Amino acid sequence: MRIDGRTDPIYRITQKLCTPGGRDSARGDTPALQSSDQVTLSSRAQAIRRMYQALTSVPTERAERIAALREAVQSGSYEIPEDALAARLIGVIYPER
């Protein structure tokens, strides 16, 4: 049995099914492929797609900053700016201040 894309039975079947007009369109066995097929994503799926795109498009300078911070934390050289941390915590607890 030769498998070169021309005599392979699977190839021939997929070629017949995946070409416009389907398998014997004159007999009406398979409907013709429609170019108007559409996929509609739910609003949740669209939101997930937007989040994924936003996360994967992080600017390189931000990625470099994150890598530097990660390295500093892992090496133990990162120091938490205590005044800034305290101010943010107070702002979270008492947002009206």
Protein backbone atom coordinates (compact mmCIF):
# COMPACT_ATOMS: atom_id res chain seq x y z
CA MET A 1 0.00 0.00 0.00
CA ARG A 2 1.39 3.37 -1.00
CA ILE A 3 0.80 6.35 1.25
CA ASP A 4 1.72 9.33 -0.83
CA GLY A 5 -1.44 11.34 -0.47
CA ARG A 6 -2.95 10.20 -3.72
CA THR A 7 -3.82 6.54 -3.29
CA ASP A 8 -4.32 6.58 0.48
CA PRO A 9 -8.04 5.83 1.08
CA ILE A 10 -8.26 8.26 4.00
CA TYR A 11 -6.80 11.06 1.87
CA ARG A 12 -9.27 10.37 -0.91
CA ILE A 13 -12.23 10.35 1.46
CA THR A 14 -11.19 13.59 3.15
CA GLN A 15 -10.60 15.22 -0.22
CA LYS A 16 -14.11 14.28 -1.32
CA LEU A 17 -15.70 15.44 1.91
CA CYS A 18 -13.71 18.65 2.27
CA THR A 19 -14.07 20.03 -1.21
CA PRO A 20 -16.88 22.37 -2.16
CA GLY A 21 -19.81 20.35 -3.32
CA GLY A 22 -19.09 17.49 -0.97
CA ARG A 23 -19.00 13.88 -2.15
CA ASP A 24 -21.29 13.51 -5.16
CA SER A 25 -23.14 16.76 -4.91
CA ALA A 26 -25.18 15.71 -7.94
CA ARG A 27 -26.56 12.79 -5.92
CA GLY A 28 -27.11 15.01 -2.93
CA ASP A 29 -25.30 12.69 -0.50
CA THR A 30 -23.41 15.47 1.23
CA PRO A 31 -24.43 19.11 1.39
CA ALA A 32 -22.01 21.61 -0.09
CA LEU A 33 -19.69 23.39 2.30
CA GLN A 34 -21.10 26.72 3.29
CA SER A 35 -18.90 29.78 3.49
CA SER A 36 -21.43 31.40 5.79
CA ASP A 37 -20.71 29.12 8.76
CA GLN A 38 -20.17 31.17 11.90
CA VAL A 39 -19.09 30.65 15.47
CA THR A 40 -20.55 32.84 18.19
CA LEU A 41 -18.77 33.02 21.52
CA SER A 42 -20.66 33.63 24.72
CA SER A 43 -19.99 36.88 26.55
CA ARG A 44 -18.00 34.93 29.14
CA ALA A 45 -15.83 33.31 26.46
CA GLN A 46 -15.27 36.72 24.87
CA ALA A 47 -14.19 38.14 28.25
CA ILE A 48 -11.78 35.23 28.75
CA ARG A 49 -10.36 35.80 25.28
CA ARG A 50 -9.83 39.52 26.01
CA MET A 51 -8.12 38.70 29.32
CA TYR A 52 -5.87 36.16 27.63
CA GLN A 53 -4.92 38.66 24.93
CA ALA A 54 -4.20 41.32 27.56
CA LEU A 55 -2.04 38.95 29.59
CA THR A 56 -0.07 37.72 26.60
CA SER A 57 0.61 41.24 25.34
CA VAL A 58 2.55 42.41 28.41
CA PRO A 59 5.11 45.02 27.35
CA THR A 60 8.70 43.78 27.48
CA GLU A 61 9.79 46.41 30.02
CA ARG A 62 7.09 45.16 32.40
CA ALA A 63 8.21 41.56 31.85
CA GLU A 64 11.80 42.62 32.58
CA ARG A 65 10.70 44.38 35.78
CA ILE A 66 8.76 41.30 36.90
CA ALA A 67 11.79 39.08 36.20
CA ALA A 68 14.04 41.41 38.21
CA LEU A 69 11.60 41.47 41.15
CA ARG A 70 11.22 37.69 41.05
CA GLU A 71 14.99 37.26 41.12
CA ALA A 72 15.33 39.71 44.04
CA VAL A 73 12.65 37.88 46.03
CA GLN A 74 14.21 34.48 45.34
CA SER A 75 17.68 35.66 46.31
CA GLY A 76 16.38 37.35 49.47
CA SER A 77 17.63 40.79 48.48
CA TYR A 78 14.17 42.35 47.95
CA GLU A 79 13.25 44.80 50.68
CA ILE A 80 9.64 45.77 51.19
CA PRO A 81 9.17 49.55 51.23
CA GLU A 82 7.44 49.66 54.63
CA ASP A 83 6.08 53.23 54.39
CA ALA A 84 4.50 52.60 51.00
CA LEU A 85 3.07 49.28 52.18
CA ALA A 86 1.56 50.88 55.30
CA ALA A 87 0.04 53.72 53.25
CA ARG A 88 -1.57 51.27 50.83
CA LEU A 89 -2.94 49.09 53.61
CA ILE A 90 -4.45 52.09 55.33
CA GLY A 91 -5.92 53.17 52.00
CA VAL A 92 -7.55 49.76 51.59
CA ILE A 93 -8.92 49.71 55.13
CA TYR A 94 -9.99 53.37 55.15
CA PRO A 95 -10.60 54.34 51.52
CA GLU A 96 -12.13 57.70 52.45
CA ARG A 97 -8.83 59.03 53.85
